[in-house]
Amino acid sequence: MKNEHYVYALVDPINRIPFYIGKGKKDRCFSHLKGYSNYNQEKLNYINNIRSFGFEPVVYKIIENLSNKDSLEY
């Protein structure tokens, strides 16, 4: 079994507070910034609000090299 999953946070660069925690693999954590996951309008509004101030959300990988099961537990 490959341990290709990770847990990540999207962080507001203005107040340095995470506003979204997710799990993914490959470049999943960056898809939010491209607007691909439009099912969560609140998150997209938050990202757009950050951008309206001239900033960009920061992506932090919290823990890497996890199985899918382990990433769900975190």
C-alpha atoms as a PDB file:
ATOM      1  CA  MET A   1       0.000   0.000   0.000  1.00  0.00           C
ATOM      2  CA  LYS A   2       1.338   3.387  -0.986  1.00  0.00           C
ATOM      3  CA  ASN A   3       1.405   6.157   1.565  1.00  0.00           C
ATOM      4  CA  GLU A   4       0.709   9.003  -0.833  1.00  0.00           C
ATOM      5  CA  HIS A   5      -1.862  10.974   1.169  1.00  0.00           C
ATOM      6  CA  TYR A   6      -1.379  14.013   3.389  1.00  0.00           C
ATOM      7  CA  VAL A   7      -3.294  16.386   5.635  1.00  0.00           C
ATOM      8  CA  TYR A   8      -3.145  20.087   4.829  1.00  0.00           C
ATOM      9  CA  ALA A   9      -4.370  23.445   6.028  1.00  0.00           C
ATOM     10  CA  LEU A  10      -5.400  26.569   4.158  1.00  0.00           C
ATOM     11  CA  VAL A  11      -4.277  29.509   6.252  1.00  0.00           C
ATOM     12  CA  ASP A  12      -5.382  33.125   6.202  1.00  0.00           C
ATOM     13  CA  PRO A  13      -2.120  35.083   5.725  1.00  0.00           C
ATOM     14  CA  ILE A  14      -3.596  38.177   7.392  1.00  0.00           C
ATOM     15  CA  ASN A  15      -4.371  36.658  10.790  1.00  0.00           C
ATOM     16  CA  ARG A  16      -2.429  33.379  10.348  1.00  0.00           C
ATOM     17  CA  ILE A  17      -5.454  31.287  11.329  1.00  0.00           C
ATOM     18  CA  PRO A  18      -6.314  28.092   9.427  1.00  0.00           C
ATOM     19  CA  PHE A  19      -9.740  28.298   7.842  1.00  0.00           C
ATOM     20  CA  TYR A  20      -9.821  24.883   6.172  1.00  0.00           C
ATOM     21  CA  ILE A  21      -8.291  21.481   6.949  1.00  0.00           C
ATOM     22  CA  GLY A  22      -8.349  18.750   4.334  1.00  0.00           C
ATOM     23  CA  LYS A  23      -6.740  15.553   3.133  1.00  0.00           C
ATOM     24  CA  GLY A  24      -5.438  14.815  -0.286  1.00  0.00           C
ATOM     25  CA  LYS A  25      -2.798  13.436  -2.575  1.00  0.00           C
ATOM     26  CA  LYS A  26      -0.806  14.869  -5.462  1.00  0.00           C
ATOM     27  CA  ASP A  27      -1.739  18.555  -5.896  1.00  0.00           C
ATOM     28  CA  ARG A  28      -5.184  18.394  -4.260  1.00  0.00           C
ATOM     29  CA  CYS A  29      -4.326  21.086  -1.701  1.00  0.00           C
ATOM     30  CA  PHE A  30      -3.858  23.669  -4.453  1.00  0.00           C
ATOM     31  CA  SER A  31      -7.143  22.938  -6.238  1.00  0.00           C
ATOM     32  CA  HIS A  32      -9.000  25.159  -3.773  1.00  0.00           C
ATOM     33  CA  LEU A  33      -6.985  28.152  -4.920  1.00  0.00           C
ATOM     34  CA  LYS A  34      -7.942  27.440  -8.527  1.00  0.00           C
ATOM     35  CA  GLY A  35     -11.646  27.307  -7.644  1.00  0.00           C
ATOM     36  CA  TYR A  36     -12.119  23.657  -8.599  1.00  0.00           C
ATOM     37  CA  SER A  37     -13.962  22.672  -5.440  1.00  0.00           C
ATOM     38  CA  ASN A  38     -16.973  24.941  -5.801  1.00  0.00           C
ATOM     39  CA  TYR A  39     -19.234  22.837  -3.559  1.00  0.00           C
ATOM     40  CA  ASN A  40     -18.086  24.791  -0.476  1.00  0.00           C
ATOM     41  CA  GLN A  41     -19.190  28.347  -1.194  1.00  0.00           C
ATOM     42  CA  GLU A  42     -18.223  29.573   2.285  1.00  0.00           C
ATOM     43  CA  LYS A  43     -14.605  28.507   1.702  1.00  0.00           C
ATOM     44  CA  LEU A  44     -14.542  30.099  -1.756  1.00  0.00           C
ATOM     45  CA  ASN A  45     -15.951  33.334  -0.321  1.00  0.00           C
ATOM     46  CA  TYR A  46     -13.230  33.316   2.332  1.00  0.00           C
ATOM     47  CA  ILE A  47     -10.536  32.845  -0.329  1.00  0.00           C
ATOM     48  CA  ASN A  48     -12.020  35.652  -2.430  1.00  0.00           C
ATOM     49  CA  ASN A  49     -12.120  37.921   0.616  1.00  0.00           C
ATOM     50  CA  ILE A  50      -8.419  37.292   1.296  1.00  0.00           C
ATOM     51  CA  ARG A  51      -7.658  38.085  -2.334  1.00  0.00           C
ATOM     52  CA  SER A  52      -9.676  41.308  -2.158  1.00  0.00           C
ATOM     53  CA  PHE A  53      -7.056  42.556   0.341  1.00  0.00           C
ATOM     54  CA  GLY A  54      -4.239  41.673  -2.061  1.00  0.00           C
ATOM     55  CA  PHE A  55      -3.155  38.463  -0.352  1.00  0.00           C
ATOM     56  CA  GLU A  56      -3.206  34.792  -1.229  1.00  0.00           C
ATOM     57  CA  PRO A  57      -4.099  31.922   1.137  1.00  0.00           C
ATOM     58  CA  VAL A  58      -1.117  29.892   2.340  1.00  0.00           C
ATOM     59  CA  VAL A  59      -1.102  26.102   1.975  1.00  0.00           C
ATOM     60  CA  TYR A  60       0.672  24.053   4.645  1.00  0.00           C
ATOM     61  CA  LYS A  61       1.064  20.313   4.466  1.00  0.00           C
ATOM     62  CA  ILE A  62       0.707  19.292   8.088  1.00  0.00           C
ATOM     63  CA  ILE A  63       1.664  15.641   7.765  1.00  0.00           C
ATOM     64  CA  GLU A  64       2.647  13.611   4.695  1.00  0.00           C
ATOM     65  CA  ASN A  65       3.247  10.003   3.617  1.00  0.00           C
ATOM     66  CA  LEU A  66      -0.002   8.663   5.043  1.00  0.00           C
ATOM     67  CA  SER A  67      -2.348   5.937   3.927  1.00  0.00           C
ATOM     68  CA  ASN A  68      -5.850   7.076   2.985  1.00  0.00           C
ATOM     69  CA  LYS A  69      -7.166   5.586   6.237  1.00  0.00           C
ATOM     70  CA  ASP A  70      -4.586   7.386   8.362  1.00  0.00           C
ATOM     71  CA  SER A  71      -5.199  10.698   6.598  1.00  0.00           C
ATOM     72  CA  LEU A  72      -8.917  10.404   7.437  1.00  0.00           C
ATOM     73  CA  GLU A  73      -8.083   9.791  11.099  1.00  0.00           C
ATOM     74  CA  TYR A  74      -5.972  12.938  11.306  1.00  0.00           C
END
